[in-house]
Protein backbone atom coordinates (compact mmCIF):
# COMPACT_ATOMS: atom_id res chain seq x y z
CA MET A 1 4.47 -18.25 22.78
CA LYS A 2 5.60 -18.83 19.21
CA LEU A 3 3.46 -17.99 16.19
CA LEU A 4 4.45 -19.68 12.95
CA LEU A 5 3.99 -17.90 9.62
CA ALA A 6 3.20 -20.60 7.07
CA THR A 7 5.39 -19.16 4.34
CA ARG A 8 9.00 -19.10 3.18
CA ASN A 9 8.40 -15.98 1.07
CA GLU A 10 10.66 -13.44 2.78
CA ASP A 11 8.79 -10.49 1.24
CA LYS A 12 5.59 -11.67 2.90
CA VAL A 13 7.39 -12.48 6.16
CA ILE A 14 8.75 -8.94 6.43
CA GLU A 15 5.35 -7.42 5.67
CA ILE A 16 3.43 -9.68 8.08
CA LYS A 17 5.93 -9.21 10.92
CA GLU A 18 5.59 -5.44 10.61
CA ILE A 19 1.79 -5.63 10.79
CA LEU A 20 1.87 -7.99 13.80
CA LYS A 21 4.81 -6.31 15.56
CA ASP A 22 2.81 -5.27 18.63
CA LEU A 23 1.75 -8.82 19.50
CA ASP A 24 3.45 -10.39 22.51
CA VAL A 25 4.56 -13.46 20.55
CA GLU A 26 7.73 -14.73 18.93
CA ILE A 27 7.01 -14.74 15.21
CA ILE A 28 8.91 -17.32 13.17
CA SER A 29 8.59 -18.45 9.56
CA ALA A 30 8.48 -21.80 7.82
CA SER A 31 12.10 -21.21 6.75
CA GLN A 32 13.09 -22.28 10.27
CA PHE A 33 11.72 -25.76 9.50
CA PRO A 34 13.85 -26.96 6.54
CA ASP A 35 12.31 -30.44 6.71
CA MET A 36 8.75 -29.15 6.50
CA PRO A 37 7.24 -30.25 3.15
CA ASP A 38 6.00 -27.57 0.79
CA VAL A 39 2.22 -27.28 0.86
CA ILE A 40 0.59 -27.90 -2.51
CA GLU A 41 -1.90 -25.09 -3.02
CA ASP A 42 -4.50 -27.06 -4.95
CA LYS A 43 -7.74 -25.64 -3.60
CA ASP A 44 -10.21 -23.72 -5.75
CA THR A 45 -10.38 -20.71 -3.43
CA ILE A 46 -7.92 -18.53 -1.56
CA LYS A 47 -9.75 -19.45 1.66
CA GLY A 48 -9.20 -23.14 0.96
CA ASN A 49 -5.51 -22.63 0.26
CA SER A 50 -5.07 -20.49 3.36
CA ILE A 51 -6.68 -23.07 5.61
CA LYS A 52 -4.69 -25.91 4.03
CA LYS A 53 -1.35 -24.10 4.47
CA ALA A 54 -2.05 -23.23 8.09
CA THR A 55 -3.38 -26.69 8.93
CA ASP A 56 -0.49 -28.63 7.38
CA CYS A 57 2.16 -26.38 8.95
CA ALA A 58 0.48 -26.42 12.38
CA LYS A 59 0.37 -30.21 12.36
CA PHE A 60 4.02 -30.49 11.31
CA SER A 61 5.37 -27.91 13.74
CA ASN A 62 2.91 -28.40 16.62
CA LEU A 63 2.69 -24.60 16.79
CA LEU A 64 -0.09 -22.07 16.49
CA THR A 65 0.12 -21.12 12.82
CA ILE A 66 -1.13 -18.31 10.65
CA ALA A 67 -1.30 -18.50 6.86
CA ASP A 68 -2.63 -16.22 4.19
CA ASP A 69 -3.49 -16.61 0.56
CA THR A 70 -4.07 -13.75 -1.84
CA GLY A 71 -5.80 -13.49 -5.17
CA LEU A 72 -5.93 -10.71 -7.74
CA PHE A 73 -9.33 -10.66 -9.43
CA VAL A 74 -9.51 -8.65 -12.65
CA GLU A 75 -13.04 -7.84 -13.83
CA ALA A 76 -12.33 -7.81 -17.58
CA LEU A 77 -10.59 -11.20 -17.35
CA ASP A 78 -13.52 -12.90 -15.63
CA GLY A 79 -11.68 -12.86 -12.31
CA LYS A 80 -8.29 -14.06 -13.56
CA PRO A 81 -5.61 -14.53 -12.35
CA GLY A 82 -7.65 -15.03 -9.16
CA VAL A 83 -6.49 -17.85 -6.93
CA HIS A 84 -3.65 -18.56 -9.37
CA ALA A 85 -2.11 -15.08 -9.07
CA ALA A 86 1.26 -16.32 -7.82
CA ARG A 87 1.64 -18.77 -10.72
CA PHE A 88 -0.17 -16.82 -13.44
CA ALA A 89 2.80 -17.00 -15.85
CA GLY A 90 3.52 -20.66 -15.01
CA GLU A 91 5.33 -22.71 -12.39
CA GLY A 92 8.59 -21.16 -11.26
CA CYS A 93 7.70 -17.76 -12.73
CA SER A 94 8.96 -14.50 -11.27
CA TYR A 95 6.97 -11.51 -10.04
CA LYS A 96 8.03 -9.74 -13.23
CA ASP A 97 6.80 -12.63 -15.42
CA ASN A 98 3.36 -12.36 -13.84
CA ARG A 99 3.17 -8.60 -14.32
CA VAL A 100 4.27 -8.83 -17.94
CA LYS A 101 1.66 -11.48 -18.72
CA LEU A 102 -1.14 -9.54 -17.03
CA LEU A 103 -0.28 -6.28 -18.80
CA LYS A 104 -0.19 -8.15 -22.10
CA GLU A 105 -3.64 -9.65 -21.52
CA MET A 106 -4.95 -6.21 -20.54
CA LYS A 107 -3.56 -4.43 -23.59
CA ASN A 108 -6.23 -2.18 -25.17
CA VAL A 109 -8.77 -3.21 -22.50
CA SER A 110 -10.71 -0.20 -21.21
CA ASN A 111 -12.18 -1.82 -18.08
CA ARG A 112 -9.21 -1.90 -15.67
CA ASN A 113 -11.19 -2.68 -12.48
CA ALA A 114 -9.56 -5.19 -10.16
CA GLN A 115 -9.69 -6.36 -6.57
CA PHE A 116 -6.99 -7.74 -4.31
CA ARG A 117 -8.39 -10.20 -1.76
CA THR A 118 -6.59 -11.93 1.12
CA VAL A 119 -7.86 -14.62 3.48
CA CYS A 120 -5.93 -15.38 6.67
CA ALA A 121 -6.35 -18.61 8.60
CA LEU A 122 -5.26 -19.13 12.21
CA VAL A 123 -4.89 -22.79 13.14
CA SER A 124 -3.80 -24.64 16.26
CA PRO A 125 -2.20 -28.10 15.89
CA ASP A 126 -5.55 -29.75 16.54
CA GLY A 127 -7.97 -27.77 14.39
CA LEU A 128 -9.15 -24.57 12.74
CA ILE A 129 -9.66 -21.54 14.94
CA ALA A 130 -10.59 -18.67 12.64
CA THR A 131 -10.41 -17.05 9.22
CA THR A 132 -10.54 -13.37 8.27
CA GLU A 133 -10.67 -11.55 4.94
CA GLY A 134 -9.42 -8.24 3.62
CA THR A 135 -10.04 -6.59 0.25
CA VAL A 136 -8.97 -3.48 -1.63
CA GLU A 137 -10.42 -2.13 -4.87
CA GLY A 138 -8.29 -0.69 -7.62
CA LYS A 139 -7.27 -0.55 -11.27
CA ILE A 140 -4.66 -2.35 -13.35
CA THR A 141 -2.34 0.29 -14.78
CA GLU A 142 -1.04 0.22 -18.34
CA GLU A 143 2.58 0.16 -17.21
CA GLU A 144 4.60 -0.26 -14.02
CA TYR A 145 4.82 2.53 -11.45
CA GLY A 146 7.07 2.44 -8.40
CA ASP A 147 9.78 0.12 -7.15
CA ASN A 148 8.39 -0.76 -3.71
CA GLY A 149 6.51 -3.87 -2.69
CA PHE A 150 6.43 -7.12 -4.63
CA GLY A 151 4.16 -9.26 -6.77
CA TYR A 152 1.67 -7.12 -8.73
CA ASP A 153 2.22 -4.03 -6.58
CA ALA A 154 3.70 -1.91 -9.38
CA ILE A 155 0.64 -2.34 -11.63
CA PHE A 156 -2.21 -2.20 -9.09
CA LYS A 157 -3.43 1.35 -8.36
CA ALA A 158 -5.58 1.50 -5.26
CA ASP A 159 -8.77 3.55 -5.63
CA GLU A 160 -8.33 4.99 -2.13
CA THR A 161 -4.97 6.61 -2.82
CA GLY A 162 -4.62 6.95 -6.59
CA LYS A 163 -1.19 5.33 -6.24
CA THR A 164 0.08 1.87 -7.05
CA PHE A 165 1.28 -0.19 -4.11
CA GLY A 166 4.68 0.09 -5.77
CA GLU A 167 4.57 3.85 -5.29
CA MET A 168 3.55 3.66 -1.63
CA SER A 169 5.80 3.49 1.40
CA GLN A 170 5.42 0.44 3.62
CA SER A 171 3.44 2.49 6.14
CA GLU A 172 1.10 3.82 3.43
CA LYS A 173 0.51 0.33 2.09
CA GLU A 174 -0.07 -1.08 5.57
CA LYS A 175 -2.97 1.31 6.13
CA ILE A 176 -5.07 0.00 3.24
CA SER A 177 -3.68 -3.25 1.85
CA HIS A 178 -5.77 -6.41 1.60
CA ARG A 179 -3.25 -8.42 3.64
CA SER A 180 -3.06 -5.76 6.34
CA ARG A 181 -6.84 -5.60 6.62
CA ALA A 182 -7.16 -9.38 6.97
CA LEU A 183 -4.32 -9.58 9.52
CA LYS A 184 -5.61 -6.68 11.60
CA LYS A 185 -8.97 -8.44 11.92
CA MET A 186 -7.05 -11.47 13.19
CA ILE A 187 -5.03 -9.60 15.85
CA PRO A 188 -7.68 -9.65 18.63
CA ILE A 189 -8.22 -13.37 18.04
CA ILE A 190 -4.48 -14.09 18.26
CA LYS A 191 -4.31 -12.08 21.49
CA LYS A 192 -7.09 -14.10 23.10
CA VAL A 193 -5.59 -17.40 21.98
CA THR A 194 -2.06 -16.60 23.13
CA GLN A 195 -3.06 -15.06 26.45
CA THR A 196 -4.91 -18.16 27.64
CA SER A 197 -4.50 -21.87 27.09
CA VAL A 198 -6.49 -23.43 24.27
CA CYS A 199 -9.13 -25.17 26.37
CA ASP A 200 -12.51 -26.61 25.46
CA SER A 201 -14.36 -23.40 26.35
CA GLN A 202 -12.01 -21.37 24.21
CA ARG A 203 -12.47 -23.72 21.30
CA GLN A 204 -16.19 -23.20 21.60
CA SER A 205 -15.85 -19.41 21.77
CA PHE A 206 -13.83 -19.35 18.55
CA GLU A 207 -16.10 -21.91 16.86
CA LEU A 208 -13.19 -24.29 16.52
CA ARG A 209 -13.81 -27.16 14.17
CA ARG A 210 -11.62 -29.95 13.04
CA SER A 211 -10.03 -29.35 9.68
CA LYS A 212 -11.09 -31.85 7.04
CA LEU A 213 -8.52 -30.73 4.51
């Protein structure tokens, strides 16, 4: 069975494939569907955006689809950049642009507390199956540390390790990251869905509901 990742972001594809590598599924990305329209992420929450991405891509591809959306919530900035983390510095901005803007807004701010939060949505072509969430607490550093990862990784120091994600190896990051935690919660659900046909009883067991997005 094929499992579609509802993203064309190759950094995310590599990371997600590594986390889900033990699943007995063929994992493909949205890049393999050049005619698939880009999903406009216009919801007010990361959960809403995750569900919308998975739903739209599942309907287009007629494949079981998983999507995730991530927000970075900084306490001193009243939760910004939050759901808009990927576009914090404006449309078409780079990872670097976002980091530079966040460090500028945090200049001389003593409260550096922040939380990364990811919501994953698993959707079949005819409705929503499940959502899971993963979080990690940390601090926004005053400068960049490490060259690994992507996005805000070089300026987010996880409380559990005392390192930024940019300083961690992929295996270290996988153990504690928000995306990894959300995806690992989803693995047993994916296994049950892919090992049996999606029948009415299964829909009931996973509290399947029609998406209204």
